[in-house]
Amino acid sequence: MNPVWIAGGIFLITYALIVSDRVHRTISALLGGIAMILLGVLTQEMAFDAVDWNVIFLLAGMMIIANVLRETGLFQWIAVKSVRLGKGDPFRILVILVLVTAVTSAFLDNVTIVILVVPVTLVLAASLGVSPLPFLIAEILASNIGGAATLVGDPPNILIGSAANIDFVTFAANMAPISIIILVAFVPLSWFLFKKDLQKKKGDNMDIEAFDASVLITDAPLLRKSLIVMTGVVLGFLFHGALHLELATIALAGAAILMLWGRTDPHHVLREVEWTTLFFFIGLFIAVEAVVQVGIIEEVAQAALRLTGGSLPMTSMMLLWFSAFASGIVDNIPYTATMIPVVESLGQSMPVMPLWWSLALGADLGGNATLVGAAAGVVVASLAEKSGNPIGFGRFLRYGVITTIMSLALASVYVWLRYL
């Protein structure tokens, strides 16, 4: 049988299982990836080479650091401070979390940010007596919006920056303005998206002043050590190019140093790592690589771009919207890796920089369309499920599509006015 049909069929079945929520997404992704090997679409070597271990180990390292931080009581302290700052109003608190998530996602990988923010959110929602899902969904959306701003904010940006030789400052100068514009627009949009889910029950009057934040920090020495290590990791991320180190190396080094310095039990810390998320990505990388190897993604992309007739404005707009659509279906990291050589070839016949920005914006913002479009969404979904608050694929889709369309509309105007 034609490998194209085999790979396409397996991928569609895998994705259908993920969307249906009837089979756990990790099992679905692993089955899809293994099926590609067993049916001969990929060799074992090709499959394992397809896994982006930098992403896997980056996630693992930051999960370890987050788990140590959780032991200090920091998350509960932040939750109490957020409740006080928001005066107990759920929407005000949601806006605070959105802004914190978006801004910090610009300077630290957005996957890392959601790993740190989700535990705070769960504590906070329980204190308010409301569902954590509106907060968690809003944080996913905000993390991808904020992560688009810088070279280290979202994994696709790292791939594009490396391929196009774009430094941190240049990337931020081009991407941060539109990220800020979209974030400003997202705040009022979130009122219409989430206001019904944030209604507190009558009689739920919370005594904000009763929260004593000072007693929540349970291990101050460990907290100080954790913050020192975290600062070192963030600085390492910012200067990873000059250091000639991958982000995963920096994250794992920080995790190892913190466990040693903090004298934490590795069995306990590693037990709390979201292994289901990591194996979901492993299976997904393999399944997507098979679709790439048989030429499906590149053929679809090339066909879409041929429709533009070689026009730079039309090619940029097509690339922006197609990238967003594709990133909502397949994870935006392997998609971006696939499209980089396509953009490089297009750059031989037209100015390439507008295409790089279109690809970055489409991949980053399109990751908000579905729960599996970006790493941050997958991680939050896994953490939410573990806490007993699963985020359904269909439920997220209702919020994600609206946010993505709004974001792409603004991004289209920005790219057109600035580069075309």
Protein backbone atom coordinates (compact mmCIF):
# COMPACT_ATOMS: atom_id res chain seq x y z
CA MET A 1 0.00 0.00 0.00
CA ASN A 2 1.10 3.56 -0.72
CA PRO A 3 3.01 5.01 2.30
CA VAL A 4 1.17 8.30 1.83
CA TRP A 5 -2.18 6.62 2.43
CA ILE A 6 -0.84 4.62 5.37
CA ALA A 7 0.70 7.66 7.08
CA GLY A 8 -2.30 9.85 6.35
CA GLY A 9 -4.74 7.23 7.61
CA ILE A 10 -2.85 6.57 10.83
CA PHE A 11 -2.48 10.27 11.50
CA LEU A 12 -6.19 10.95 10.96
CA ILE A 13 -7.16 8.08 13.25
CA THR A 14 -4.67 9.26 15.89
CA TYR A 15 -5.98 12.79 15.77
CA ALA A 16 -9.61 11.60 15.83
CA LEU A 17 -8.88 9.63 19.02
CA ILE A 18 -7.23 12.69 20.60
CA VAL A 19 -10.18 14.93 19.68
CA SER A 20 -12.78 12.43 20.87
CA ASP A 21 -11.32 12.26 24.40
CA ARG A 22 -12.42 8.61 24.47
CA VAL A 23 -8.83 7.39 24.58
CA HIS A 24 -6.25 9.24 26.65
CA ARG A 25 -4.26 11.55 24.35
CA THR A 26 -0.94 10.05 25.50
CA ILE A 27 -2.07 6.54 24.57
CA SER A 28 -3.45 7.83 21.24
CA ALA A 29 -0.20 9.61 20.34
CA LEU A 30 2.00 6.66 21.33
CA LEU A 31 -0.16 4.20 19.39
CA GLY A 32 -0.05 6.47 16.35
CA GLY A 33 3.71 6.82 16.52
CA ILE A 34 4.35 3.11 17.06
CA ALA A 35 1.95 2.23 14.21
CA MET A 36 4.05 4.38 11.84
CA ILE A 37 7.07 2.21 12.74
CA LEU A 38 5.32 -1.17 12.67
CA LEU A 39 3.74 -0.47 9.27
CA GLY A 40 7.04 0.61 7.76
CA VAL A 41 6.40 4.31 7.23
CA LEU A 42 9.41 5.10 9.44
CA THR A 43 12.38 3.07 10.56
CA GLN A 44 13.07 2.94 14.28
CA GLU A 45 16.09 5.19 13.80
CA MET A 46 14.07 7.79 11.87
CA ALA A 47 11.32 7.72 14.48
CA PHE A 48 13.59 8.27 17.45
CA ASP A 49 15.59 10.93 15.58
CA ALA A 50 12.30 12.76 14.98
CA VAL A 51 11.77 13.34 18.69
CA ASP A 52 12.91 16.83 19.66
CA TRP A 53 14.77 15.86 22.81
CA ASN A 54 15.61 19.50 23.48
CA VAL A 55 11.89 20.14 23.99
CA ILE A 56 11.41 16.96 26.05
CA PHE A 57 14.34 17.64 28.39
CA LEU A 58 13.50 21.34 28.64
CA LEU A 59 10.04 20.38 29.88
CA ALA A 60 11.42 17.75 32.25
CA GLY A 61 13.96 20.14 33.76
CA MET A 62 11.43 22.92 34.32
CA MET A 63 8.90 20.46 35.77
CA ILE A 64 11.50 19.39 38.35
CA ILE A 65 12.22 23.01 39.31
CA ALA A 66 8.50 23.75 39.54
CA ASN A 67 7.95 20.73 41.77
CA VAL A 68 10.66 21.89 44.18
CA LEU A 69 9.17 25.40 44.22
CA ARG A 70 5.77 23.92 45.01
CA GLU A 71 7.19 22.43 48.22
CA THR A 72 8.08 25.91 49.54
CA GLY A 73 4.53 27.24 49.63
CA LEU A 74 5.32 29.95 47.07
CA PHE A 75 2.32 29.14 44.90
CA GLN A 76 -0.12 29.45 47.78
CA TRP A 77 1.48 32.79 48.74
CA ILE A 78 1.06 34.13 45.19
CA ALA A 79 -2.55 32.91 45.15
CA VAL A 80 -3.37 34.86 48.31
CA LYS A 81 -1.66 37.99 46.98
CA SER A 82 -3.63 37.70 43.73
CA VAL A 83 -6.91 37.35 45.62
CA ARG A 84 -6.13 40.47 47.62
CA LEU A 85 -5.02 42.45 44.58
CA GLY A 86 -8.16 41.41 42.72
CA LYS A 87 -10.29 42.20 45.80
CA GLY A 88 -11.87 38.77 45.57
CA ASP A 89 -13.47 39.43 42.17
CA PRO A 90 -12.97 36.39 39.88
CA PHE A 91 -12.69 38.39 36.66
CA ARG A 92 -10.18 40.85 38.10
CA ILE A 93 -8.12 37.92 39.30
CA LEU A 94 -8.39 36.27 35.87
CA VAL A 95 -7.04 39.48 34.27
CA ILE A 96 -4.16 39.56 36.77
CA LEU A 97 -3.25 35.95 35.97
CA VAL A 98 -3.56 36.61 32.22
CA LEU A 99 -1.22 39.60 32.40
CA VAL A 100 1.29 37.81 34.64
CA THR A 101 1.26 34.74 32.39
CA ALA A 102 1.63 36.71 29.15
CA VAL A 103 4.38 39.04 30.36
CA THR A 104 6.46 36.32 31.99
CA SER A 105 5.99 34.04 28.96
CA ALA A 106 7.88 36.61 26.91
CA PHE A 107 11.00 36.24 29.03
CA LEU A 108 10.77 32.60 30.03
CA ASP A 109 9.58 29.71 27.89
CA ASN A 110 5.79 29.71 28.06
CA VAL A 111 5.70 26.00 28.93
CA THR A 112 7.75 26.77 32.01
CA ILE A 113 5.40 29.61 32.95
CA VAL A 114 2.24 27.50 32.81
CA ILE A 115 3.96 24.79 34.87
CA LEU A 116 4.51 27.43 37.56
CA VAL A 117 1.16 29.22 37.23
CA VAL A 118 -1.23 26.24 37.15
CA PRO A 119 -0.68 25.18 40.79
CA VAL A 120 -1.30 28.79 41.85
CA THR A 121 -4.50 28.85 39.83
CA LEU A 122 -5.83 25.63 41.32
CA VAL A 123 -5.29 26.92 44.86
CA LEU A 124 -6.79 30.29 43.97
CA ALA A 125 -9.92 28.88 42.30
CA ALA A 126 -10.55 26.63 45.29
CA SER A 127 -10.29 29.67 47.56
CA LEU A 128 -12.78 31.59 45.40
CA GLY A 129 -15.21 28.69 45.15
CA VAL A 130 -15.28 28.77 41.33
CA SER A 131 -14.20 26.38 38.59
CA PRO A 132 -10.49 26.65 37.68
CA LEU A 133 -11.19 25.92 33.99
CA PRO A 134 -11.82 29.55 32.84
CA PHE A 135 -8.56 30.60 34.49
CA LEU A 136 -6.60 27.68 33.04
CA ILE A 137 -7.95 28.18 29.51
CA ALA A 138 -7.26 31.92 29.67
CA GLU A 139 -3.70 31.19 30.83
CA ILE A 140 -3.07 28.86 27.89
CA LEU A 141 -4.23 31.55 25.48
CA ALA A 142 -2.24 34.27 27.25
CA SER A 143 0.94 32.18 27.37
CA ASN A 144 0.95 31.72 23.60
CA ILE A 145 0.19 35.40 22.98
CA GLY A 146 2.97 36.52 25.32
CA GLY A 147 5.33 33.78 24.16
CA ALA A 148 5.18 35.11 20.61
CA ALA A 149 6.96 38.29 21.70
CA THR A 150 10.53 37.01 22.04
CA LEU A 151 12.99 34.46 20.76
CA VAL A 152 12.78 32.32 23.92
CA GLY A 153 9.05 32.70 24.57
CA ASP A 154 7.74 29.89 22.39
CA PRO A 155 9.62 26.85 20.99
CA PRO A 156 8.80 27.67 17.30
CA ASN A 157 10.54 31.02 17.75
CA ILE A 158 13.75 29.26 18.75
CA LEU A 159 13.64 27.18 15.56
CA ILE A 160 12.98 30.22 13.36
CA GLY A 161 15.62 32.38 15.06
CA SER A 162 18.22 29.68 14.59
CA ALA A 163 17.37 29.07 10.93
CA ALA A 164 17.10 32.75 9.99
CA ASN A 165 19.99 34.00 12.14
CA ILE A 166 17.73 36.41 14.05
CA ASP A 167 19.06 37.62 17.40
CA PHE A 168 17.02 38.18 20.57
CA VAL A 169 16.75 41.99 20.23
CA THR A 170 15.76 41.94 16.55
CA PHE A 171 13.15 39.27 17.19
CA ALA A 172 11.62 41.21 20.06
CA ALA A 173 11.63 44.48 18.12
CA ASN A 174 9.52 42.88 15.41
CA MET A 175 7.28 40.54 17.41
CA ALA A 176 6.74 42.27 20.77
CA PRO A 177 4.63 45.19 19.42
CA ILE A 178 1.96 42.96 17.89
CA SER A 179 2.00 40.64 20.90
CA ILE A 180 1.22 43.62 23.16
CA ILE A 181 -1.57 44.76 20.84
CA ILE A 182 -3.16 41.30 20.84
CA LEU A 183 -2.83 41.00 24.62
CA VAL A 184 -4.57 44.36 25.11
CA ALA A 185 -7.41 43.16 22.86
CA PHE A 186 -7.61 39.79 24.62
CA VAL A 187 -8.39 41.29 28.04
CA PRO A 188 -11.84 42.69 27.06
CA LEU A 189 -12.48 39.63 24.87
CA SER A 190 -11.94 37.41 27.91
CA TRP A 191 -14.85 39.15 29.63
CA PHE A 192 -17.23 37.93 26.92
CA LEU A 193 -15.63 34.48 26.79
CA PHE A 194 -15.53 33.69 30.49
CA LYS A 195 -17.92 35.96 32.40
CA LYS A 196 -20.65 33.32 32.69
CA ASP A 197 -18.23 30.74 34.07
CA LEU A 198 -16.89 33.18 36.66
CA GLN A 199 -20.17 33.94 38.40
CA LYS A 200 -19.88 33.27 42.12
CA LYS A 201 -22.73 31.60 43.88
CA LYS A 202 -24.88 33.75 46.11
CA GLY A 203 -23.69 33.67 49.67
CA ASP A 204 -20.07 33.10 48.67
CA ASN A 205 -18.66 36.08 50.53
CA MET A 206 -14.96 35.59 51.02
CA ASP A 207 -13.15 37.36 53.83
CA ILE A 208 -10.06 38.47 51.94
CA GLU A 209 -8.33 39.83 55.00
CA ALA A 210 -8.64 36.43 56.67
CA PHE A 211 -5.93 35.13 54.36
CA ASP A 212 -2.61 35.30 56.21
CA ALA A 213 0.04 35.14 53.50
CA SER A 214 2.96 35.14 55.95
CA VAL A 215 2.29 31.60 57.19
CA LEU A 216 2.10 30.10 53.71
CA ILE A 217 5.86 30.01 53.01
CA THR A 218 6.69 26.67 54.60
CA ASP A 219 10.40 26.44 53.70
CA ALA A 220 12.05 29.85 53.36
CA PRO A 221 15.65 28.54 52.93
CA LEU A 222 14.58 26.24 50.09
CA LEU A 223 12.60 29.09 48.53
CA ARG A 224 15.68 31.34 48.50
CA LYS A 225 17.77 28.60 46.90
CA SER A 226 15.02 27.91 44.35
CA LEU A 227 14.72 31.57 43.37
CA ILE A 228 18.50 31.87 42.98
CA VAL A 229 18.61 28.81 40.73
CA MET A 230 15.54 30.01 38.81
CA THR A 231 17.21 33.38 38.21
CA GLY A 232 20.30 31.61 36.90
CA VAL A 233 18.17 29.47 34.57
CA VAL A 234 16.33 32.53 33.21
CA LEU A 235 19.64 34.31 32.57
CA GLY A 236 20.91 31.15 30.89
CA PHE A 237 17.86 31.16 28.61
CA LEU A 238 18.42 34.80 27.67
CA PHE A 239 22.09 34.24 26.83
CA HIS A 240 21.96 30.65 25.63
CA GLY A 241 23.30 31.67 22.22
CA ALA A 242 26.43 33.25 23.65
CA LEU A 243 26.86 30.30 25.99
CA HIS A 244 26.47 27.83 23.10
CA LEU A 245 24.09 25.76 25.22
CA GLU A 246 20.68 24.34 24.39
CA LEU A 247 17.77 25.42 26.58
CA ALA A 248 17.32 21.82 27.71
CA THR A 249 20.89 21.69 29.00
CA ILE A 250 20.33 24.85 31.03
CA ALA A 251 17.03 23.58 32.44
CA LEU A 252 18.42 20.18 33.40
CA ALA A 253 21.50 21.79 34.95
CA GLY A 254 19.26 24.03 37.04
CA ALA A 255 17.13 21.07 38.11
CA ALA A 256 20.15 19.00 39.13
CA ILE A 257 21.77 21.88 41.04
CA LEU A 258 18.53 22.66 42.86
CA MET A 259 18.00 19.04 43.92
CA LEU A 260 21.59 18.85 45.18
CA TRP A 261 21.67 22.25 46.90
CA GLY A 262 18.14 21.95 48.29
CA ARG A 263 18.78 18.39 49.52
CA THR A 264 15.48 17.26 48.04
CA ASP A 265 14.52 13.63 47.56
CA PRO A 266 14.81 12.91 43.81
CA HIS A 267 12.34 10.04 44.07
CA HIS A 268 9.68 12.42 45.35
CA VAL A 269 10.45 15.19 42.86
CA LEU A 270 10.69 12.95 39.82
CA ARG A 271 7.48 11.16 40.78
CA GLU A 272 5.65 14.47 40.28
CA VAL A 273 7.00 15.07 36.75
CA GLU A 274 4.22 15.04 34.13
CA TRP A 275 5.40 11.92 32.34
CA THR A 276 2.10 11.62 30.48
CA THR A 277 2.78 14.98 28.82
CA LEU A 278 6.32 14.06 27.87
CA PHE A 279 5.27 10.76 26.31
CA PHE A 280 2.42 12.49 24.49
CA PHE A 281 4.99 14.67 22.76
CA ILE A 282 7.22 11.70 21.99
CA GLY A 283 4.37 9.89 20.26
CA LEU A 284 3.23 13.04 18.47
CA PHE A 285 6.72 13.88 17.18
CA ILE A 286 6.98 10.42 15.65
CA ALA A 287 3.50 10.51 14.09
CA VAL A 288 4.05 13.96 12.59
CA GLU A 289 7.50 12.99 11.29
CA ALA A 290 5.87 10.17 9.32
CA VAL A 291 3.45 12.62 7.70
CA VAL A 292 6.40 14.88 6.92
CA GLN A 293 8.52 12.07 5.47
CA VAL A 294 5.87 10.97 2.97
CA GLY A 295 5.51 14.59 1.82
CA ILE A 296 1.95 15.33 2.90
CA ILE A 297 2.60 18.51 4.88
CA GLU A 298 5.05 20.00 2.40
CA GLU A 299 2.80 19.21 -0.56
CA VAL A 300 -0.19 20.86 1.11
CA ALA A 301 1.92 23.88 2.05
CA GLN A 302 3.41 24.23 -1.43
CA ALA A 303 -0.01 23.92 -3.05
CA ALA A 304 -1.40 26.62 -0.80
CA LEU A 305 1.53 28.94 -1.50
CA ARG A 306 1.29 28.36 -5.27
CA LEU A 307 -2.14 29.95 -5.11
CA THR A 308 -0.50 33.30 -4.33
CA GLY A 309 1.20 33.51 -7.72
CA GLY A 310 4.54 34.71 -6.32
CA SER A 311 3.10 37.87 -4.74
CA LEU A 312 4.90 38.80 -1.49
CA PRO A 313 1.79 40.29 0.21
CA MET A 314 -0.38 37.32 -0.75
CA THR A 315 2.33 34.80 0.14
CA SER A 316 2.79 36.42 3.57
CA MET A 317 -0.94 36.39 4.29
CA MET A 318 -1.32 32.82 3.04
CA LEU A 319 1.65 31.71 5.15
CA LEU A 320 0.27 33.49 8.23
CA TRP A 321 -3.21 31.96 8.03
CA PHE A 322 -2.16 28.55 6.75
CA SER A 323 0.44 28.25 9.51
CA ALA A 324 -2.21 29.08 12.09
CA PHE A 325 -4.60 26.50 10.64
CA ALA A 326 -1.93 23.80 10.44
CA SER A 327 -0.59 24.57 13.92
CA GLY A 328 -4.05 24.01 15.33
CA ILE A 329 -4.04 20.49 13.88
CA VAL A 330 -0.45 19.39 14.40
CA ASP A 331 1.77 20.68 17.18
CA ASN A 332 3.37 23.96 16.10
CA ILE A 333 6.93 22.78 16.87
CA PRO A 334 7.22 20.02 14.22
CA TYR A 335 5.10 22.10 11.83
CA THR A 336 7.52 25.02 12.10
CA ALA A 337 10.47 22.70 11.53
CA THR A 338 8.76 21.46 8.37
CA MET A 339 8.02 24.93 7.01
CA ILE A 340 11.48 26.43 7.58
CA PRO A 341 12.99 24.94 4.38
CA VAL A 342 9.86 26.00 2.46
CA VAL A 343 10.33 29.61 3.60
CA GLU A 344 14.03 29.46 2.78
CA SER A 345 13.26 28.36 -0.77
CA LEU A 346 10.64 31.09 -1.19
CA GLY A 347 13.22 33.61 0.01
CA GLN A 348 15.24 32.99 -3.14
CA SER A 349 12.61 34.76 -5.23
CA MET A 350 11.23 37.38 -2.80
CA PRO A 351 12.23 39.25 0.40
CA VAL A 352 12.34 36.61 3.10
CA MET A 353 12.01 38.56 6.37
CA PRO A 354 8.24 39.23 6.07
CA LEU A 355 7.79 35.50 5.54
CA TRP A 356 9.71 34.67 8.72
CA TRP A 357 7.47 36.98 10.77
CA SER A 358 4.35 35.55 9.12
CA LEU A 359 5.48 32.01 9.92
CA ALA A 360 6.31 32.91 13.54
CA LEU A 361 3.01 34.69 14.14
CA GLY A 362 0.96 31.99 12.43
CA ALA A 363 2.61 29.14 14.32
CA ASP A 364 2.55 30.89 17.71
CA LEU A 365 -0.99 32.26 17.52
CA GLY A 366 -2.41 29.23 15.71
CA GLY A 367 -1.29 27.12 18.63
CA ASN A 368 -4.21 28.66 20.53
CA ALA A 369 -6.82 27.17 18.21
CA THR A 370 -6.87 23.70 19.80
CA LEU A 371 -5.75 22.05 22.99
CA VAL A 372 -2.96 20.17 21.19
CA GLY A 373 -1.76 23.03 18.99
CA ALA A 374 0.98 24.19 21.34
CA ALA A 375 3.06 22.67 24.10
CA ALA A 376 1.61 24.99 26.75
CA GLY A 377 -1.91 23.73 26.11
CA VAL A 378 -0.88 20.10 26.36
CA VAL A 379 0.96 20.71 29.65
CA VAL A 380 -1.94 22.63 31.24
CA ALA A 381 -4.40 19.96 30.13
CA SER A 382 -2.28 17.28 31.75
CA LEU A 383 -1.94 19.23 35.02
CA ALA A 384 -5.65 20.02 35.04
CA GLU A 385 -6.57 16.39 34.50
CA LYS A 386 -4.26 15.34 37.30
CA SER A 387 -6.05 17.76 39.65
CA GLY A 388 -9.47 16.33 38.74
CA ASN A 389 -10.45 19.21 36.42
CA PRO A 390 -10.06 17.88 32.86
CA ILE A 391 -10.25 20.37 29.98
CA GLY A 392 -12.24 18.81 27.15
CA PHE A 393 -10.96 19.24 23.59
CA GLY A 394 -14.32 20.59 22.43
CA ARG A 395 -14.67 23.02 25.30
CA PHE A 396 -11.26 24.55 24.67
CA LEU A 397 -12.02 24.77 20.95
CA ARG A 398 -14.89 27.22 21.58
CA TYR A 399 -12.55 29.71 23.24
CA GLY A 400 -9.44 28.97 21.22
CA VAL A 401 -10.90 29.50 17.76
CA ILE A 402 -12.41 32.88 18.67
CA THR A 403 -9.16 34.08 20.23
CA THR A 404 -7.10 32.81 17.29
CA ILE A 405 -9.27 34.57 14.69
CA MET A 406 -9.06 37.85 16.63
CA SER A 407 -5.29 37.48 16.98
CA LEU A 408 -4.75 36.64 13.31
CA ALA A 409 -6.87 39.56 12.16
CA LEU A 410 -4.72 41.98 14.15
CA ALA A 411 -1.51 40.21 13.08
CA SER A 412 -2.54 40.44 9.41
CA VAL A 413 -3.00 44.19 9.65
CA TYR A 414 0.33 44.52 11.48
CA VAL A 415 2.30 42.48 8.92
CA TRP A 416 0.64 44.27 5.99
CA LEU A 417 1.31 47.77 7.32
CA ARG A 418 4.85 47.13 8.59
CA TYR A 419 6.40 44.84 6.01
CA LEU A 420 4.36 44.84 2.79
